[in-house]
Amino acid sequence: MVRNLFLLILFVLCLCSISNAQVNVGNGSVLDAYQYNYINSASTTVVKSGAGILKGLVVTGGSAGTIVVYNNIIGSGPVISNFDSTNAIANYPLNIVFSSGCTVVTSAATKITVSYI
């Protein structure tokens, strides 16, 4: 039983390869793999330029402040999300499409991980 499971895992690993944030499966299908950006300072961070999908934000601590996410490659424009991180330690699933880019502005040294495609 364990041997069969090991062989199955080995077979799946042989069929898959990771390249340019995509997972190529042996049958020819392609699955996009999420990427991430970790922020831990008061800053304006361009997470991704161009179109994509913002999977979500994970706030793990740091200093209290505001977190604003823009559909842009600068820290202004259409707002995707805006919240106070005072008591915001949590996972925020968003799954939101952005067209111009994704920029995160943090007003304090909040520890945040942004996942996206």
C-alpha atoms as a PDB file:
ATOM      1  CA  MET A   1       0.000   0.000   0.000  1.00  0.00           C
ATOM      2  CA  VAL A   2       2.716   2.482   0.989  1.00  0.00           C
ATOM      3  CA  ARG A   3       4.826   1.408  -1.983  1.00  0.00           C
ATOM      4  CA  ASN A   4       1.897   2.019  -4.373  1.00  0.00           C
ATOM      5  CA  LEU A   5       1.303   5.468  -2.886  1.00  0.00           C
ATOM      6  CA  PHE A   6       5.004   6.281  -3.249  1.00  0.00           C
ATOM      7  CA  LEU A   7       4.974   5.161  -6.894  1.00  0.00           C
ATOM      8  CA  LEU A   8       1.866   7.235  -7.598  1.00  0.00           C
ATOM      9  CA  ILE A   9       3.447  10.336  -6.083  1.00  0.00           C
ATOM     10  CA  LEU A  10       6.647   9.721  -8.017  1.00  0.00           C
ATOM     11  CA  PHE A  11       4.661   9.291 -11.245  1.00  0.00           C
ATOM     12  CA  VAL A  12       2.758  12.547 -10.677  1.00  0.00           C
ATOM     13  CA  LEU A  13       5.974  14.406  -9.903  1.00  0.00           C
ATOM     14  CA  CYS A  14       7.524  13.104 -13.115  1.00  0.00           C
ATOM     15  CA  LEU A  15       4.566  14.351 -15.143  1.00  0.00           C
ATOM     16  CA  CYS A  16       4.608  17.841 -13.653  1.00  0.00           C
ATOM     17  CA  SER A  17       7.063  20.645 -14.187  1.00  0.00           C
ATOM     18  CA  ILE A  18       6.975  24.217 -12.917  1.00  0.00           C
ATOM     19  CA  SER A  19       7.894  27.007 -15.304  1.00  0.00           C
ATOM     20  CA  ASN A  20       7.027  30.721 -15.338  1.00  0.00           C
ATOM     21  CA  ALA A  21       4.410  30.447 -12.564  1.00  0.00           C
ATOM     22  CA  GLN A  22       2.524  27.695 -14.374  1.00  0.00           C
ATOM     23  CA  VAL A  23       2.221  24.028 -13.573  1.00  0.00           C
ATOM     24  CA  ASN A  24       2.349  21.886 -16.701  1.00  0.00           C
ATOM     25  CA  VAL A  25       0.519  18.631 -16.222  1.00  0.00           C
ATOM     26  CA  GLY A  26       1.375  15.617 -18.371  1.00  0.00           C
ATOM     27  CA  ASN A  27      -1.958  15.619 -20.223  1.00  0.00           C
ATOM     28  CA  GLY A  28      -1.197  19.030 -21.740  1.00  0.00           C
ATOM     29  CA  SER A  29      -3.334  21.147 -19.418  1.00  0.00           C
ATOM     30  CA  VAL A  30      -1.797  24.152 -17.703  1.00  0.00           C
ATOM     31  CA  LEU A  31      -2.729  25.351 -14.232  1.00  0.00           C
ATOM     32  CA  ASP A  32      -1.623  28.794 -13.054  1.00  0.00           C
ATOM     33  CA  ALA A  33       0.284  28.707  -9.788  1.00  0.00           C
ATOM     34  CA  TYR A  34      -0.126  31.548  -7.319  1.00  0.00           C
ATOM     35  CA  GLN A  35       2.862  33.729  -6.536  1.00  0.00           C
ATOM     36  CA  TYR A  36       3.349  35.838  -3.427  1.00  0.00           C
ATOM     37  CA  ASN A  37       4.921  39.047  -2.185  1.00  0.00           C
ATOM     38  CA  TYR A  38       5.788  39.617   1.494  1.00  0.00           C
ATOM     39  CA  ILE A  39       5.603  43.173   2.839  1.00  0.00           C
ATOM     40  CA  ASN A  40       6.752  44.171   6.340  1.00  0.00           C
ATOM     41  CA  SER A  41       7.281  47.933   6.187  1.00  0.00           C
ATOM     42  CA  ALA A  42       5.365  51.120   5.533  1.00  0.00           C
ATOM     43  CA  SER A  43       5.675  51.253   1.765  1.00  0.00           C
ATOM     44  CA  THR A  44       4.115  51.380  -1.665  1.00  0.00           C
ATOM     45  CA  THR A  45       4.714  47.979  -3.255  1.00  0.00           C
ATOM     46  CA  VAL A  46       3.943  47.108  -6.860  1.00  0.00           C
ATOM     47  CA  VAL A  47       2.976  43.463  -6.470  1.00  0.00           C
ATOM     48  CA  LYS A  48       2.318  42.860 -10.176  1.00  0.00           C
ATOM     49  CA  SER A  49       2.140  45.029 -13.277  1.00  0.00           C
ATOM     50  CA  GLY A  50      -0.498  44.216 -15.875  1.00  0.00           C
ATOM     51  CA  ALA A  51      -3.595  42.067 -15.514  1.00  0.00           C
ATOM     52  CA  GLY A  52      -3.913  39.308 -12.946  1.00  0.00           C
ATOM     53  CA  ILE A  53      -5.923  37.860 -10.094  1.00  0.00           C
ATOM     54  CA  LEU A  54      -5.481  38.903  -6.473  1.00  0.00           C
ATOM     55  CA  LYS A  55      -6.064  35.682  -4.513  1.00  0.00           C
ATOM     56  CA  GLY A  56      -5.911  37.305  -1.113  1.00  0.00           C
ATOM     57  CA  LEU A  57      -4.028  38.902   1.737  1.00  0.00           C
ATOM     58  CA  VAL A  58      -2.724  37.331   4.928  1.00  0.00           C
ATOM     59  CA  VAL A  59      -1.981  39.747   7.764  1.00  0.00           C
ATOM     60  CA  THR A  60       0.239  38.184  10.422  1.00  0.00           C
ATOM     61  CA  GLY A  61       1.102  41.109  12.683  1.00  0.00           C
ATOM     62  CA  GLY A  62       3.421  44.072  12.827  1.00  0.00           C
ATOM     63  CA  SER A  63       2.424  47.662  13.444  1.00  0.00           C
ATOM     64  CA  ALA A  64      -1.177  48.818  13.167  1.00  0.00           C
ATOM     65  CA  GLY A  65      -2.010  50.945  10.143  1.00  0.00           C
ATOM     66  CA  THR A  66      -4.017  50.948   6.951  1.00  0.00           C
ATOM     67  CA  ILE A  67      -3.691  48.636   3.957  1.00  0.00           C
ATOM     68  CA  VAL A  68      -4.922  49.884   0.589  1.00  0.00           C
ATOM     69  CA  VAL A  69      -4.806  47.746  -2.566  1.00  0.00           C
ATOM     70  CA  TYR A  70      -5.062  49.519  -5.931  1.00  0.00           C
ATOM     71  CA  ASN A  71      -5.853  48.311  -9.455  1.00  0.00           C
ATOM     72  CA  ASN A  72      -2.864  50.245 -10.735  1.00  0.00           C
ATOM     73  CA  ILE A  73       0.941  50.238 -10.840  1.00  0.00           C
ATOM     74  CA  ILE A  74       1.102  53.287  -8.561  1.00  0.00           C
ATOM     75  CA  GLY A  75      -0.339  53.967  -5.115  1.00  0.00           C
ATOM     76  CA  SER A  76      -3.505  55.662  -6.360  1.00  0.00           C
ATOM     77  CA  GLY A  77      -6.451  55.015  -8.656  1.00  0.00           C
ATOM     78  CA  PRO A  78      -9.207  52.403  -8.444  1.00  0.00           C
ATOM     79  CA  VAL A  79      -9.265  50.827  -4.969  1.00  0.00           C
ATOM     80  CA  ILE A  80      -9.597  47.034  -4.749  1.00  0.00           C
ATOM     81  CA  SER A  81      -9.536  46.859  -0.952  1.00  0.00           C
ATOM     82  CA  ASN A  82      -9.007  49.285   1.919  1.00  0.00           C
ATOM     83  CA  PHE A  83      -8.933  48.347   5.605  1.00  0.00           C
ATOM     84  CA  ASP A  84      -7.434  49.166   8.952  1.00  0.00           C
ATOM     85  CA  SER A  85      -4.927  46.589  10.195  1.00  0.00           C
ATOM     86  CA  THR A  86      -5.308  47.449  13.890  1.00  0.00           C
ATOM     87  CA  ASN A  87      -7.062  44.166  14.679  1.00  0.00           C
ATOM     88  CA  ALA A  88      -6.811  42.635  11.235  1.00  0.00           C
ATOM     89  CA  ILE A  89      -4.652  39.557  11.833  1.00  0.00           C
ATOM     90  CA  ALA A  90      -6.401  37.122   9.537  1.00  0.00           C
ATOM     91  CA  ASN A  91      -6.622  35.632   6.050  1.00  0.00           C
ATOM     92  CA  TYR A  92      -8.580  37.756   3.563  1.00  0.00           C
ATOM     93  CA  PRO A  93      -9.564  35.714   0.488  1.00  0.00           C
ATOM     94  CA  LEU A  94     -10.413  38.083  -2.373  1.00  0.00           C
ATOM     95  CA  ASN A  95     -10.137  36.339  -5.780  1.00  0.00           C
ATOM     96  CA  ILE A  96     -10.468  39.673  -7.575  1.00  0.00           C
ATOM     97  CA  VAL A  97      -9.381  40.331 -11.154  1.00  0.00           C
ATOM     98  CA  PHE A  98      -7.258  43.439 -11.722  1.00  0.00           C
ATOM     99  CA  SER A  99      -6.483  44.910 -15.131  1.00  0.00           C
ATOM    100  CA  SER A 100      -3.757  47.545 -14.749  1.00  0.00           C
ATOM    101  CA  GLY A 101      -1.663  46.091 -11.957  1.00  0.00           C
ATOM    102  CA  CYS A 102      -1.745  45.425  -8.235  1.00  0.00           C
ATOM    103  CA  THR A 103      -0.147  47.887  -5.826  1.00  0.00           C
ATOM    104  CA  VAL A 104      -0.330  47.617  -2.027  1.00  0.00           C
ATOM    105  CA  VAL A 105       0.178  50.681   0.169  1.00  0.00           C
ATOM    106  CA  THR A 106       0.817  50.083   3.869  1.00  0.00           C
ATOM    107  CA  SER A 107       0.911  53.027   6.264  1.00  0.00           C
ATOM    108  CA  ALA A 108       2.844  51.121   8.936  1.00  0.00           C
ATOM    109  CA  ALA A 109       5.171  48.148   9.282  1.00  0.00           C
ATOM    110  CA  THR A 110       2.337  45.648   8.921  1.00  0.00           C
ATOM    111  CA  LYS A 111       3.392  42.074   8.122  1.00  0.00           C
ATOM    112  CA  ILE A 112       1.369  41.035   5.100  1.00  0.00           C
ATOM    113  CA  THR A 113       1.606  38.369   2.402  1.00  0.00           C
ATOM    114  CA  VAL A 114      -0.127  39.078  -0.902  1.00  0.00           C
ATOM    115  CA  SER A 115      -0.907  36.100  -3.153  1.00  0.00           C
ATOM    116  CA  TYR A 116      -1.691  36.583  -6.840  1.00  0.00           C
ATOM    117  CA  ILE A 117      -1.451  35.216 -10.356  1.00  0.00           C
END
